[in-house]
Amino acid sequence: MFLEASGASMSLRWIRPDERRYTIMGIMTEGRLNTRPINWPANTIGRTELPHAYLEEMAVIIGGYVKPNANPGEYGLKAADGSEPELALLLAKAEDWLAAIGRYQGALCKVIGESVG
């Protein structure tokens, strides 16, 4: 995985052996999460349920919820008060978040026929 900066945000991404990039988390400069980019790569392979399940796991970790986005099959993570969650909420439970990332990668690998490297 690697962190990539672009404008006013950063993205934590996993790169498959064929160089396709899957966003694990978007982070805005003020420390809030941008979960919208998580949806796109999995949706392009027709697997909208994978990022949705990953976001549901993160919602449990932070005590928030998952909300449908305007685009069908896309979801966003919200803090309990409806705001964009702070990165600190995930970092406070880093082990749980890393486990959720591992499960998301495993689910992606299962559908694309590759192993996590």
Protein backbone atom coordinates (compact mmCIF):
# COMPACT_ATOMS: atom_id res chain seq x y z
CA MET A 1 0.00 0.00 0.00
CA PHE A 2 1.08 3.55 -0.51
CA LEU A 3 -0.07 7.09 0.23
CA GLU A 4 -0.58 9.41 -2.74
CA ALA A 5 -1.17 13.17 -2.44
CA SER A 6 -3.35 15.04 -4.91
CA GLY A 7 -4.43 18.63 -4.33
CA ALA A 8 -6.17 18.99 -0.99
CA SER A 9 -6.29 15.30 -0.17
CA MET A 10 -4.32 12.09 0.12
CA SER A 11 -5.30 8.56 -0.78
CA LEU A 12 -4.18 5.33 0.82
CA ARG A 13 -4.07 2.85 -2.06
CA TRP A 14 -3.35 -0.80 -2.67
CA ILE A 15 -1.72 -1.58 -6.01
CA ARG A 16 -2.39 -4.96 -7.55
CA PRO A 17 0.40 -6.75 -9.42
CA ASP A 18 -1.14 -5.56 -12.73
CA GLU A 19 -0.83 -1.95 -11.43
CA ARG A 20 -4.58 -1.38 -10.93
CA ARG A 21 -5.05 0.84 -7.88
CA TYR A 22 -7.72 0.35 -5.24
CA THR A 23 -8.36 3.20 -2.83
CA ILE A 24 -8.43 2.03 0.78
CA MET A 25 -9.12 5.51 2.20
CA GLY A 26 -9.18 9.13 1.12
CA ILE A 27 -7.98 11.69 3.64
CA MET A 28 -8.68 15.41 3.29
CA THR A 29 -6.05 17.87 4.49
CA GLU A 30 -8.08 18.82 7.58
CA GLY A 31 -7.93 15.20 8.74
CA ARG A 32 -11.41 14.13 7.70
CA LEU A 33 -12.09 11.00 5.68
CA ASN A 34 -13.24 11.03 2.08
CA THR A 35 -14.66 7.57 1.45
CA ARG A 36 -16.19 8.21 -1.98
CA PRO A 37 -13.04 7.08 -3.91
CA ILE A 38 -13.26 3.65 -2.24
CA ASN A 39 -16.28 2.79 -4.42
CA TRP A 40 -14.94 3.43 -7.90
CA PRO A 41 -12.41 0.66 -8.67
CA ALA A 42 -14.57 -2.16 -7.26
CA ASN A 43 -17.64 -0.76 -9.01
CA THR A 44 -15.82 -0.86 -12.35
CA ILE A 45 -15.55 -4.63 -12.00
CA GLY A 46 -19.21 -4.88 -11.00
CA ARG A 47 -18.62 -5.62 -7.32
CA THR A 48 -20.37 -2.77 -5.48
CA GLU A 49 -20.95 -5.01 -2.47
CA LEU A 50 -17.22 -5.18 -1.66
CA PRO A 51 -16.59 -1.52 -0.79
CA HIS A 52 -20.03 -1.39 0.84
CA ALA A 53 -19.07 -4.23 3.20
CA TYR A 54 -15.71 -2.56 3.94
CA LEU A 55 -17.46 0.74 4.73
CA GLU A 56 -19.92 -1.09 6.99
CA GLU A 57 -16.98 -2.53 8.95
CA MET A 58 -15.47 0.93 9.34
CA ALA A 59 -18.84 2.29 10.48
CA VAL A 60 -18.82 -0.22 13.33
CA ILE A 61 -15.23 0.74 14.21
CA ILE A 62 -16.00 4.47 14.46
CA GLY A 63 -19.57 4.25 15.73
CA GLY A 64 -20.94 5.81 12.55
CA TYR A 65 -23.04 4.65 9.64
CA VAL A 66 -22.98 4.10 5.87
CA LYS A 67 -25.06 6.37 3.67
CA PRO A 68 -25.88 5.83 -0.03
CA ASN A 69 -24.28 8.40 -2.34
CA ALA A 70 -26.08 10.03 -5.26
CA ASN A 71 -24.56 7.51 -7.69
CA PRO A 72 -26.23 4.08 -7.54
CA GLY A 73 -24.02 1.46 -5.89
CA GLU A 74 -21.85 4.04 -4.12
CA TYR A 75 -21.78 4.60 -0.39
CA GLY A 76 -20.09 6.95 2.05
CA LEU A 77 -18.99 6.61 5.65
CA LYS A 78 -20.47 9.09 8.12
CA ALA A 79 -19.70 9.84 11.75
CA ALA A 80 -22.54 9.39 14.24
CA ASP A 81 -23.44 13.09 13.85
CA GLY A 82 -23.65 12.82 10.03
CA SER A 83 -20.36 14.61 9.36
CA GLU A 84 -17.37 13.31 7.44
CA PRO A 85 -15.48 11.22 10.03
CA GLU A 86 -12.09 12.18 11.35
CA LEU A 87 -9.08 9.98 10.59
CA ALA A 88 -8.36 9.91 14.33
CA LEU A 89 -11.46 7.74 14.85
CA LEU A 90 -9.94 4.98 12.73
CA LEU A 91 -6.43 5.43 14.06
CA ALA A 92 -7.73 5.03 17.61
CA LYS A 93 -8.67 1.48 16.61
CA ALA A 94 -5.86 0.86 14.13
CA GLU A 95 -5.79 -2.92 14.63
CA ASP A 96 -9.49 -3.19 13.82
CA TRP A 97 -9.05 -0.95 10.77
CA LEU A 98 -6.06 -2.97 9.52
CA ALA A 99 -8.09 -6.15 9.91
CA ALA A 100 -10.94 -4.60 7.90
CA ILE A 101 -8.47 -3.55 5.20
CA GLY A 102 -7.14 -7.11 5.08
CA ARG A 103 -10.63 -8.53 4.67
CA TYR A 104 -11.40 -6.00 1.90
CA GLN A 105 -8.18 -6.89 0.07
CA GLY A 106 -8.95 -10.59 0.50
CA ALA A 107 -12.45 -10.13 -0.92
CA LEU A 108 -11.05 -8.18 -3.88
CA CYS A 109 -8.41 -10.84 -4.47
CA LYS A 110 -11.00 -13.58 -4.39
CA VAL A 111 -13.00 -11.98 -7.19
CA ILE A 112 -10.01 -11.00 -9.29
CA GLY A 113 -8.17 -14.30 -8.76
CA GLU A 114 -5.03 -12.93 -7.18
CA SER A 115 -3.39 -13.18 -3.81
CA VAL A 116 -2.61 -10.21 -1.59
CA GLY A 117 1.04 -9.32 -1.93
